[in-house]
C-alpha atoms as a PDB file:
ATOM      1  CA  UNK A   1      69.684  43.931 -48.395  1.00  0.00           C
ATOM      2  CA  UNK A   2      66.230  45.384 -47.616  1.00  0.00           C
ATOM      3  CA  UNK A   3      66.644  44.862 -43.875  1.00  0.00           C
ATOM      4  CA  UNK A   4      66.454  48.467 -42.728  1.00  0.00           C
ATOM      5  CA  UNK A   5      64.819  48.028 -39.310  1.00  0.00           C
ATOM      6  CA  UNK A   6      67.038  45.119 -38.311  1.00  0.00           C
ATOM      7  CA  UNK A   7      70.164  46.896 -39.540  1.00  0.00           C
ATOM      8  CA  UNK A   8      69.407  50.081 -37.607  1.00  0.00           C
ATOM      9  CA  UNK A   9      68.965  48.046 -34.418  1.00  0.00           C
ATOM     10  CA  UNK A  10      72.341  46.412 -34.995  1.00  0.00           C
ATOM     11  CA  UNK A  11      74.008  49.765 -35.633  1.00  0.00           C
ATOM     12  CA  UNK A  12      72.539  51.112 -32.392  1.00  0.00           C
ATOM     13  CA  UNK A  13      74.103  48.204 -30.497  1.00  0.00           C
ATOM     14  CA  UNK A  14      77.480  48.566 -32.206  1.00  0.00           C
ATOM     15  CA  UNK A  15      77.508  52.302 -31.473  1.00  0.00           C
ATOM     16  CA  UNK A  16      77.009  51.530 -27.778  1.00  0.00           C
ATOM     17  CA  UNK A  17      80.044  49.225 -27.517  1.00  0.00           C
ATOM     18  CA  UNK A  18      82.803  50.453 -25.206  1.00  0.00           C
ATOM     19  CA  UNK A  19      85.396  49.764 -27.934  1.00  0.00           C
ATOM     20  CA  UNK A  20      83.730  52.372 -30.181  1.00  0.00           C
ATOM     21  CA  UNK A  21      84.729  50.558 -33.392  1.00  0.00           C
ATOM     22  CA  UNK A  22      84.570  52.324 -36.755  1.00  0.00           C
ATOM     23  CA  UNK A  23      81.736  50.755 -38.737  1.00  0.00           C
ATOM     24  CA  UNK A  24      81.208  50.202 -42.455  1.00  0.00           C
ATOM     25  CA  UNK A  25      77.847  49.150 -43.868  1.00  0.00           C
ATOM     26  CA  UNK A  26      77.657  47.504 -47.276  1.00  0.00           C
ATOM     27  CA  UNK A  27      74.199  47.993 -48.759  1.00  0.00           C
ATOM     28  CA  UNK A  28      73.617  45.163 -51.228  1.00  0.00           C
ATOM     29  CA  UNK A  29      71.284  47.095 -53.520  1.00  0.00           C
ATOM     30  CA  UNK A  30      68.463  47.736 -51.051  1.00  0.00           C
ATOM     31  CA  UNK A  31      65.248  49.356 -52.278  1.00  0.00           C
ATOM     32  CA  UNK A  32      63.685  50.005 -48.844  1.00  0.00           C
ATOM     33  CA  UNK A  33      65.533  53.227 -48.012  1.00  0.00           C
ATOM     34  CA  UNK A  34      68.303  51.510 -46.075  1.00  0.00           C
ATOM     35  CA  UNK A  35      71.067  53.838 -47.262  1.00  0.00           C
ATOM     36  CA  UNK A  36      69.092  56.992 -46.450  1.00  0.00           C
ATOM     37  CA  UNK A  37      68.162  55.665 -43.005  1.00  0.00           C
ATOM     38  CA  UNK A  38      71.780  54.836 -42.166  1.00  0.00           C
ATOM     39  CA  UNK A  39      72.955  58.307 -43.221  1.00  0.00           C
ATOM     40  CA  UNK A  40      70.267  59.964 -41.120  1.00  0.00           C
ATOM     41  CA  UNK A  41      70.640  57.897 -37.922  1.00  0.00           C
ATOM     42  CA  UNK A  42      74.335  56.980 -37.993  1.00  0.00           C
ATOM     43  CA  UNK A  43      76.154  59.645 -40.024  1.00  0.00           C
ATOM     44  CA  UNK A  44      79.566  58.485 -38.757  1.00  0.00           C
ATOM     45  CA  UNK A  45      79.111  55.080 -40.398  1.00  0.00           C
ATOM     46  CA  UNK A  46      81.020  54.500 -43.635  1.00  0.00           C
ATOM     47  CA  UNK A  47      78.328  53.549 -46.155  1.00  0.00           C
ATOM     48  CA  UNK A  48      79.406  51.447 -49.137  1.00  0.00           C
ATOM     49  CA  UNK A  49      76.820  51.269 -51.925  1.00  0.00           C
ATOM     50  CA  UNK A  50      77.962  49.045 -54.800  1.00  0.00           C
ATOM     51  CA  UNK A  51      74.484  49.345 -56.354  1.00  0.00           C
ATOM     52  CA  UNK A  52      73.861  45.622 -56.679  1.00  0.00           C
ATOM     53  CA  UNK A  53      73.586  42.512 -54.538  1.00  0.00           C
ATOM     54  CA  UNK A  54      77.104  41.206 -53.972  1.00  0.00           C
ATOM     55  CA  UNK A  55      75.859  38.548 -51.534  1.00  0.00           C
ATOM     56  CA  UNK A  56      78.637  37.325 -49.212  1.00  0.00           C
ATOM     57  CA  UNK A  57      81.291  39.200 -51.195  1.00  0.00           C
ATOM     58  CA  UNK A  58      79.828  42.457 -49.874  1.00  0.00           C
ATOM     59  CA  UNK A  59      81.826  41.798 -46.713  1.00  0.00           C
ATOM     60  CA  UNK A  60      85.019  41.908 -48.751  1.00  0.00           C
ATOM     61  CA  UNK A  61      84.106  45.359 -50.037  1.00  0.00           C
ATOM     62  CA  UNK A  62      83.481  46.536 -46.486  1.00  0.00           C
ATOM     63  CA  UNK A  63      86.802  45.184 -45.229  1.00  0.00           C
ATOM     64  CA  UNK A  64      88.657  46.831 -48.113  1.00  0.00           C
ATOM     65  CA  UNK A  65      86.994  50.167 -47.326  1.00  0.00           C
ATOM     66  CA  UNK A  66      88.188  50.168 -43.707  1.00  0.00           C
ATOM     67  CA  UNK A  67      91.772  50.780 -42.656  1.00  0.00           C
ATOM     68  CA  UNK A  68      91.836  48.951 -39.327  1.00  0.00           C
ATOM     69  CA  UNK A  69      94.176  45.943 -38.921  1.00  0.00           C
ATOM     70  CA  UNK A  70      91.306  43.736 -37.759  1.00  0.00           C
ATOM     71  CA  UNK A  71      87.734  43.438 -39.037  1.00  0.00           C
ATOM     72  CA  UNK A  72      84.762  42.094 -37.062  1.00  0.00           C
ATOM     73  CA  UNK A  73      81.781  41.050 -39.168  1.00  0.00           C
ATOM     74  CA  UNK A  74      78.153  41.606 -38.240  1.00  0.00           C
ATOM     75  CA  UNK A  75      75.084  40.725 -40.239  1.00  0.00           C
ATOM     76  CA  UNK A  76      72.055  42.991 -40.056  1.00  0.00           C
ATOM     77  CA  UNK A  77      70.741  40.800 -37.218  1.00  0.00           C
ATOM     78  CA  UNK A  78      73.922  40.308 -35.184  1.00  0.00           C
ATOM     79  CA  UNK A  79      76.266  42.319 -32.982  1.00  0.00           C
ATOM     80  CA  UNK A  80      79.068  41.858 -30.424  1.00  0.00           C
ATOM     81  CA  UNK A  81      79.076  41.574 -26.659  1.00  0.00           C
ATOM     82  CA  UNK A  82      80.821  44.472 -24.848  1.00  0.00           C
ATOM     83  CA  UNK A  83      84.520  43.657 -24.563  1.00  0.00           C
ATOM     84  CA  UNK A  84      84.468  40.962 -27.248  1.00  0.00           C
ATOM     85  CA  UNK A  85      86.280  43.079 -29.811  1.00  0.00           C
ATOM     86  CA  UNK A  86      89.020  44.028 -27.361  1.00  0.00           C
ATOM     87  CA  UNK A  87      89.526  40.349 -26.529  1.00  0.00           C
ATOM     88  CA  UNK A  88      89.684  39.431 -30.218  1.00  0.00           C
ATOM     89  CA  UNK A  89      92.214  42.197 -30.910  1.00  0.00           C
ATOM     90  CA  UNK A  90      94.385  41.023 -28.006  1.00  0.00           C
ATOM     91  CA  UNK A  91      94.378  37.472 -29.402  1.00  0.00           C
ATOM     92  CA  UNK A  92      95.291  38.674 -32.886  1.00  0.00           C
ATOM     93  CA  UNK A  93      98.018  40.909 -31.449  1.00  0.00           C
ATOM     94  CA  UNK A  94      99.611  38.052 -29.526  1.00  0.00           C
ATOM     95  CA  UNK A  95      99.271  35.324 -32.181  1.00  0.00           C
ATOM     96  CA  UNK A  96     100.744  36.591 -35.453  1.00  0.00           C
ATOM     97  CA  UNK A  97      99.676  33.527 -37.489  1.00  0.00           C
ATOM     98  CA  UNK A  98      96.050  33.821 -36.389  1.00  0.00           C
ATOM     99  CA  UNK A  99      94.010  34.899 -39.403  1.00  0.00           C
ATOM    100  CA  UNK A 100      90.466  34.432 -38.130  1.00  0.00           C
ATOM    101  CA  UNK A 101      88.827  34.241 -34.710  1.00  0.00           C
ATOM    102  CA  UNK A 102      85.698  32.080 -34.748  1.00  0.00           C
ATOM    103  CA  UNK A 103      83.693  33.418 -31.824  1.00  0.00           C
ATOM    104  CA  UNK A 104      81.061  31.742 -29.679  1.00  0.00           C
ATOM    105  CA  UNK A 105      77.523  32.775 -30.607  1.00  0.00           C
ATOM    106  CA  UNK A 106      74.517  33.370 -28.374  1.00  0.00           C
ATOM    107  CA  UNK A 107      71.146  33.288 -30.117  1.00  0.00           C
ATOM    108  CA  UNK A 108      67.936  35.231 -29.535  1.00  0.00           C
ATOM    109  CA  UNK A 109      66.689  37.148 -26.535  1.00  0.00           C
ATOM    110  CA  UNK A 110      67.356  34.135 -24.325  1.00  0.00           C
ATOM    111  CA  UNK A 111      71.035  34.163 -25.350  1.00  0.00           C
ATOM    112  CA  UNK A 112      70.985  30.428 -26.019  1.00  0.00           C
ATOM    113  CA  UNK A 113      74.253  28.875 -27.207  1.00  0.00           C
ATOM    114  CA  UNK A 114      74.285  28.262 -30.942  1.00  0.00           C
ATOM    115  CA  UNK A 115      74.648  24.506 -31.632  1.00  0.00           C
ATOM    116  CA  UNK A 116      77.707  25.284 -33.736  1.00  0.00           C
ATOM    117  CA  UNK A 117      79.571  26.338 -30.568  1.00  0.00           C
ATOM    118  CA  UNK A 118      79.871  22.744 -29.412  1.00  0.00           C
ATOM    119  CA  UNK A 119      81.032  21.529 -32.819  1.00  0.00           C
ATOM    120  CA  UNK A 120      83.742  24.181 -32.924  1.00  0.00           C
ATOM    121  CA  UNK A 121      84.764  23.507 -29.336  1.00  0.00           C
ATOM    122  CA  UNK A 122      85.168  19.775 -30.136  1.00  0.00           C
ATOM    123  CA  UNK A 123      86.940  20.201 -33.473  1.00  0.00           C
ATOM    124  CA  UNK A 124      88.999  17.075 -34.234  1.00  0.00           C
ATOM    125  CA  UNK A 125      91.734  19.280 -35.707  1.00  0.00           C
ATOM    126  CA  UNK A 126      92.980  19.969 -32.183  1.00  0.00           C
ATOM    127  CA  UNK A 127      94.879  23.028 -31.015  1.00  0.00           C
ATOM    128  CA  UNK A 128      98.139  24.081 -32.641  1.00  0.00           C
ATOM    129  CA  UNK A 129     100.803  25.486 -30.301  1.00  0.00           C
ATOM    130  CA  UNK A 130     100.873  28.936 -31.898  1.00  0.00           C
ATOM    131  CA  UNK A 131      97.101  29.444 -31.885  1.00  0.00           C
ATOM    132  CA  UNK A 132      94.824  30.444 -28.976  1.00  0.00           C
ATOM    133  CA  UNK A 133      92.073  27.885 -29.621  1.00  0.00           C
ATOM    134  CA  UNK A 134      91.142  24.740 -31.505  1.00  0.00           C
ATOM    135  CA  UNK A 135      91.659  24.852 -35.247  1.00  0.00           C
ATOM    136  CA  UNK A 136      88.462  24.845 -37.302  1.00  0.00           C
ATOM    137  CA  UNK A 137      87.498  24.973 -40.974  1.00  0.00           C
ATOM    138  CA  UNK A 138      84.092  26.494 -40.408  1.00  0.00           C
ATOM    139  CA  UNK A 139      82.515  29.360 -38.500  1.00  0.00           C
ATOM    140  CA  UNK A 140      79.570  31.744 -38.581  1.00  0.00           C
ATOM    141  CA  UNK A 141      80.298  34.801 -40.694  1.00  0.00           C
ATOM    142  CA  UNK A 142      78.350  36.993 -38.282  1.00  0.00           C
ATOM    143  CA  UNK A 143      80.621  35.803 -35.454  1.00  0.00           C
ATOM    144  CA  UNK A 144      84.059  36.165 -36.953  1.00  0.00           C
ATOM    145  CA  UNK A 145      86.941  38.601 -36.532  1.00  0.00           C
ATOM    146  CA  UNK A 146      89.651  38.536 -39.198  1.00  0.00           C
ATOM    147  CA  UNK A 147      93.129  39.901 -39.671  1.00  0.00           C
ATOM    148  CA  UNK A 148      92.436  42.281 -42.521  1.00  0.00           C
ATOM    149  CA  UNK A 149      95.695  41.578 -44.360  1.00  0.00           C
ATOM    150  CA  UNK A 150      95.110  37.811 -44.278  1.00  0.00           C
ATOM    151  CA  UNK A 151      91.475  38.182 -45.298  1.00  0.00           C
ATOM    152  CA  UNK A 152      92.295  40.349 -48.305  1.00  0.00           C
ATOM    153  CA  UNK A 153      95.327  38.223 -49.201  1.00  0.00           C
ATOM    154  CA  UNK A 154      93.084  35.217 -49.886  1.00  0.00           C
ATOM    155  CA  UNK A 155      90.431  37.300 -51.655  1.00  0.00           C
ATOM    156  CA  UNK A 156      87.861  37.482 -48.868  1.00  0.00           C
ATOM    157  CA  UNK A 157      84.493  35.826 -49.399  1.00  0.00           C
ATOM    158  CA  UNK A 158      84.385  34.327 -52.869  1.00  0.00           C
ATOM    159  CA  UNK A 159      82.222  36.319 -55.321  1.00  0.00           C
ATOM    160  CA  UNK A 160      80.667  33.147 -56.760  1.00  0.00           C
ATOM    161  CA  UNK A 161      79.067  32.135 -53.485  1.00  0.00           C
ATOM    162  CA  UNK A 162      75.781  33.363 -52.129  1.00  0.00           C
ATOM    163  CA  UNK A 163      74.905  33.674 -48.452  1.00  0.00           C
ATOM    164  CA  UNK A 164      74.651  30.314 -46.704  1.00  0.00           C
ATOM    165  CA  UNK A 165      77.642  28.101 -45.975  1.00  0.00           C
ATOM    166  CA  UNK A 166      80.043  30.525 -47.641  1.00  0.00           C
ATOM    167  CA  UNK A 167      82.327  30.409 -44.604  1.00  0.00           C
ATOM    168  CA  UNK A 168      83.952  27.050 -45.352  1.00  0.00           C
ATOM    169  CA  UNK A 169      85.712  28.241 -48.493  1.00  0.00           C
ATOM    170  CA  UNK A 170      87.216  31.235 -46.692  1.00  0.00           C
ATOM    171  CA  UNK A 171      88.451  29.015 -43.848  1.00  0.00           C
ATOM    172  CA  UNK A 172      89.972  26.584 -46.368  1.00  0.00           C
ATOM    173  CA  UNK A 173      91.691  29.396 -48.259  1.00  0.00           C
ATOM    174  CA  UNK A 174      93.140  30.879 -45.068  1.00  0.00           C
ATOM    175  CA  UNK A 175      94.455  27.480 -44.015  1.00  0.00           C
ATOM    176  CA  UNK A 176      95.899  26.859 -47.487  1.00  0.00           C
ATOM    177  CA  UNK A 177      97.821  30.147 -47.225  1.00  0.00           C
ATOM    178  CA  UNK A 178      99.232  29.220 -43.823  1.00  0.00           C
ATOM    179  CA  UNK A 179      96.896  31.338 -41.670  1.00  0.00           C
ATOM    180  CA  UNK A 180      95.322  29.901 -38.543  1.00  0.00           C
ATOM    181  CA  UNK A 181      91.551  29.709 -38.051  1.00  0.00           C
ATOM    182  CA  UNK A 182      90.747  29.153 -34.377  1.00  0.00           C
ATOM    183  CA  UNK A 183      87.669  28.941 -32.175  1.00  0.00           C
ATOM    184  CA  UNK A 184      88.018  31.333 -29.250  1.00  0.00           C
ATOM    185  CA  UNK A 185      84.932  31.014 -27.017  1.00  0.00           C
ATOM    186  CA  UNK A 186      85.882  33.982 -24.835  1.00  0.00           C
ATOM    187  CA  UNK A 187      84.980  36.193 -27.815  1.00  0.00           C
ATOM    188  CA  UNK A 188      81.182  36.314 -27.934  1.00  0.00           C
ATOM    189  CA  UNK A 189      78.778  37.471 -30.647  1.00  0.00           C
ATOM    190  CA  UNK A 190      75.016  37.840 -30.399  1.00  0.00           C
ATOM    191  CA  UNK A 191      72.637  36.729 -33.159  1.00  0.00           C
ATOM    192  CA  UNK A 192      68.912  37.412 -33.246  1.00  0.00           C
ATOM    193  CA  UNK A 193      67.657  35.943 -36.548  1.00  0.00           C
ATOM    194  CA  UNK A 194      64.096  35.805 -37.792  1.00  0.00           C
ATOM    195  CA  UNK A 195      62.218  32.750 -36.565  1.00  0.00           C
ATOM    196  CA  UNK A 196      61.382  31.798 -40.137  1.00  0.00           C
ATOM    197  CA  UNK A 197      64.230  30.788 -42.441  1.00  0.00           C
ATOM    198  CA  UNK A 198      64.771  33.110 -45.368  1.00  0.00           C
ATOM    199  CA  UNK A 199      63.439  31.699 -48.660  1.00  0.00           C
ATOM    200  CA  UNK A 200      65.938  29.688 -50.669  1.00  0.00           C
ATOM    201  CA  UNK A 201      68.603  29.544 -47.940  1.00  0.00           C
ATOM    202  CA  UNK A 202      68.746  25.723 -47.925  1.00  0.00           C
ATOM    203  CA  UNK A 203      69.270  25.622 -51.688  1.00  0.00           C
ATOM    204  CA  UNK A 204      71.974  28.303 -51.577  1.00  0.00           C
ATOM    205  CA  UNK A 205      73.784  26.452 -48.803  1.00  0.00           C
ATOM    206  CA  UNK A 206      73.887  23.210 -50.786  1.00  0.00           C
ATOM    207  CA  UNK A 207      74.951  25.083 -53.906  1.00  0.00           C
ATOM    208  CA  UNK A 208      77.788  26.747 -51.999  1.00  0.00           C
ATOM    209  CA  UNK A 209      78.923  23.410 -50.581  1.00  0.00           C
ATOM    210  CA  UNK A 210      79.157  21.919 -54.063  1.00  0.00           C
ATOM    211  CA  UNK A 211      80.821  24.974 -55.595  1.00  0.00           C
ATOM    212  CA  UNK A 212      83.391  24.893 -52.795  1.00  0.00           C
ATOM    213  CA  UNK A 213      84.222  21.310 -53.745  1.00  0.00           C
ATOM    214  CA  UNK A 214      84.640  22.218 -57.410  1.00  0.00           C
ATOM    215  CA  UNK A 215      86.714  25.292 -56.583  1.00  0.00           C
ATOM    216  CA  UNK A 216      89.185  23.658 -54.187  1.00  0.00           C
ATOM    217  CA  UNK A 217      88.863  19.899 -53.761  1.00  0.00           C
ATOM    218  CA  UNK A 218      90.092  16.902 -55.805  1.00  0.00           C
ATOM    219  CA  UNK A 219      87.991  15.955 -58.824  1.00  0.00           C
ATOM    220  CA  UNK A 220      86.819  12.729 -57.205  1.00  0.00           C
ATOM    221  CA  UNK A 221      85.380  14.584 -54.230  1.00  0.00           C
ATOM    222  CA  UNK A 222      83.651  17.176 -56.402  1.00  0.00           C
ATOM    223  CA  UNK A 223      82.115  14.507 -58.620  1.00  0.00           C
ATOM    224  CA  UNK A 224      80.920  12.461 -55.638  1.00  0.00           C
ATOM    225  CA  UNK A 225      79.185  15.501 -54.134  1.00  0.00           C
ATOM    226  CA  UNK A 226      77.629  16.318 -57.503  1.00  0.00           C
ATOM    227  CA  UNK A 227      76.197  12.815 -57.829  1.00  0.00           C
ATOM    228  CA  UNK A 228      74.831  12.977 -54.285  1.00  0.00           C
ATOM    229  CA  UNK A 229      73.058  16.268 -54.972  1.00  0.00           C
ATOM    230  CA  UNK A 230      71.682  14.944 -58.269  1.00  0.00           C
ATOM    231  CA  UNK A 231      70.249  11.898 -56.509  1.00  0.00           C
ATOM    232  CA  UNK A 232      68.720  14.064 -53.779  1.00  0.00           C
ATOM    233  CA  UNK A 233      67.163  16.344 -56.374  1.00  0.00           C
ATOM    234  CA  UNK A 234      64.811  13.570 -57.512  1.00  0.00           C
ATOM    235  CA  UNK A 235      62.674  14.066 -54.421  1.00  0.00           C
ATOM    236  CA  UNK A 236      63.838  17.348 -52.890  1.00  0.00           C
ATOM    237  CA  UNK A 237      62.827  20.683 -54.475  1.00  0.00           C
ATOM    238  CA  UNK A 238      65.579  22.540 -52.615  1.00  0.00           C
ATOM    239  CA  UNK A 239      68.162  20.110 -53.975  1.00  0.00           C
ATOM    240  CA  UNK A 240      66.804  20.695 -57.486  1.00  0.00           C
ATOM    241  CA  UNK A 241      67.190  24.441 -57.053  1.00  0.00           C
ATOM    242  CA  UNK A 242      70.719  23.963 -55.734  1.00  0.00           C
ATOM    243  CA  UNK A 243      71.640  21.713 -58.657  1.00  0.00           C
ATOM    244  CA  UNK A 244      70.320  24.207 -61.214  1.00  0.00           C
ATOM    245  CA  UNK A 245      72.116  27.113 -59.530  1.00  0.00           C
ATOM    246  CA  UNK A 246      75.367  25.152 -59.389  1.00  0.00           C
ATOM    247  CA  UNK A 247      75.095  24.300 -63.080  1.00  0.00           C
ATOM    248  CA  UNK A 248      74.797  28.003 -63.926  1.00  0.00           C
ATOM    249  CA  UNK A 249      77.853  28.926 -61.862  1.00  0.00           C
ATOM    250  CA  UNK A 250      80.000  25.891 -62.624  1.00  0.00           C
ATOM    251  CA  UNK A 251      81.811  27.268 -65.700  1.00  0.00           C
ATOM    252  CA  UNK A 252      82.983  30.270 -63.676  1.00  0.00           C
ATOM    253  CA  UNK A 253      83.991  27.966 -60.812  1.00  0.00           C
ATOM    254  CA  UNK A 254      86.025  25.727 -63.102  1.00  0.00           C
ATOM    255  CA  UNK A 255      87.815  28.771 -64.497  1.00  0.00           C
ATOM    256  CA  UNK A 256      88.853  29.704 -60.956  1.00  0.00           C
ATOM    257  CA  UNK A 257      89.546  26.179 -59.726  1.00  0.00           C
ATOM    258  CA  UNK A 258      92.632  25.897 -57.505  1.00  0.00           C
ATOM    259  CA  UNK A 259      93.192  22.695 -55.574  1.00  0.00           C
ATOM    260  CA  UNK A 260      94.230  23.091 -51.961  1.00  0.00           C
ATOM    261  CA  UNK A 261      97.451  21.493 -50.669  1.00  0.00           C
ATOM    262  CA  UNK A 262      97.146  17.846 -49.684  1.00  0.00           C
ATOM    263  CA  UNK A 263      97.563  18.696 -45.986  1.00  0.00           C
ATOM    264  CA  UNK A 264      94.446  20.879 -46.120  1.00  0.00           C
ATOM    265  CA  UNK A 265      92.473  18.210 -47.983  1.00  0.00           C
ATOM    266  CA  UNK A 266      93.424  15.716 -45.264  1.00  0.00           C
ATOM    267  CA  UNK A 267      92.072  18.115 -42.634  1.00  0.00           C
ATOM    268  CA  UNK A 268      88.808  18.505 -44.572  1.00  0.00           C
ATOM    269  CA  UNK A 269      88.391  14.734 -44.767  1.00  0.00           C
ATOM    270  CA  UNK A 270      89.099  14.364 -41.055  1.00  0.00           C
ATOM    271  CA  UNK A 271      86.273  16.784 -40.331  1.00  0.00           C
ATOM    272  CA  UNK A 272      83.954  14.934 -42.708  1.00  0.00           C
ATOM    273  CA  UNK A 273      84.683  11.596 -41.064  1.00  0.00           C
ATOM    274  CA  UNK A 274      84.027  12.964 -37.607  1.00  0.00           C
ATOM    275  CA  UNK A 275      80.787  14.773 -38.449  1.00  0.00           C
END
C-alpha cells in the first residue's frame, strides 16, 4: 500500500530470476499511482485491486488469483535469491505433507542474517521424519513458500489480523490441519526494509498476538495474555493502542473462535517455554 518505488524495485528483481515465476501484485488501496506504475513497467504481472486495504489477507487474494501449485510471498521490500524458488519447489514436490517452507532471510545491502534464522534453526519442535527441516510455528511472511492447496484449505492469512506477527496463526492453522511447516535454510529470501519502523507496527503485532490467542487457544491462555497486555498498557502507549484495537476486533474473533487440537497447543507451549 503506497509503496510504489519499493514495489517496482522488487518486481524488477523478481523479473530477473532464472525461474521466471508468474507474479501477482495485490494493491491494498494505494493512492500513489502504484497500480498504474505496475501496469506500465510490468504489464505481464497479474494486478489484483480489491480497492481497499486488506492488510495481511491481501496475500490470500493473490494466492487465489494464481493457478500455480506453489506460492512464494514477497513484500514490497523483499525478493528471492536466484535458485531459491526451484529449491523450494523441489522440497514441496518430494515432501507431500509439507505445507509451508520457512526460508532463511538475509537483510539489507550487507545481506546480514535475520536474527529469526537462528531461532528457526534451533526450534525445539525438532525435525519430523517426513519433513525436510525443523518444524516451526512461526516464519517471516516475506520469506515463505506455501503449497497453494494447503494455504487455501486453512483460509490463508486471517482477515482479522493486520500486518505484524500475522504469521503465527497461519502456521498454527496449517499444523492443526496436519500440514508440516518447516525451516529450510537452503531456500533464501532477501529483505531490505526501511531503517525506521513503520508507525504502529508494534501495536499491531501485540494486537495480532492477542487475537491469535482468542481465535485458537484455550480460554485460560487468552485471558492471561489479555491481563498481561492490560497491565502493560498502564505505562506503554503502544500497548494501549494494541488493547483498544483488540477490543474492537474481539467480537468478530470470538465469533470465529476455533480451538486447536491439544497436540498443537502442547507444541505452542513448548515454544513459549523455550523462548
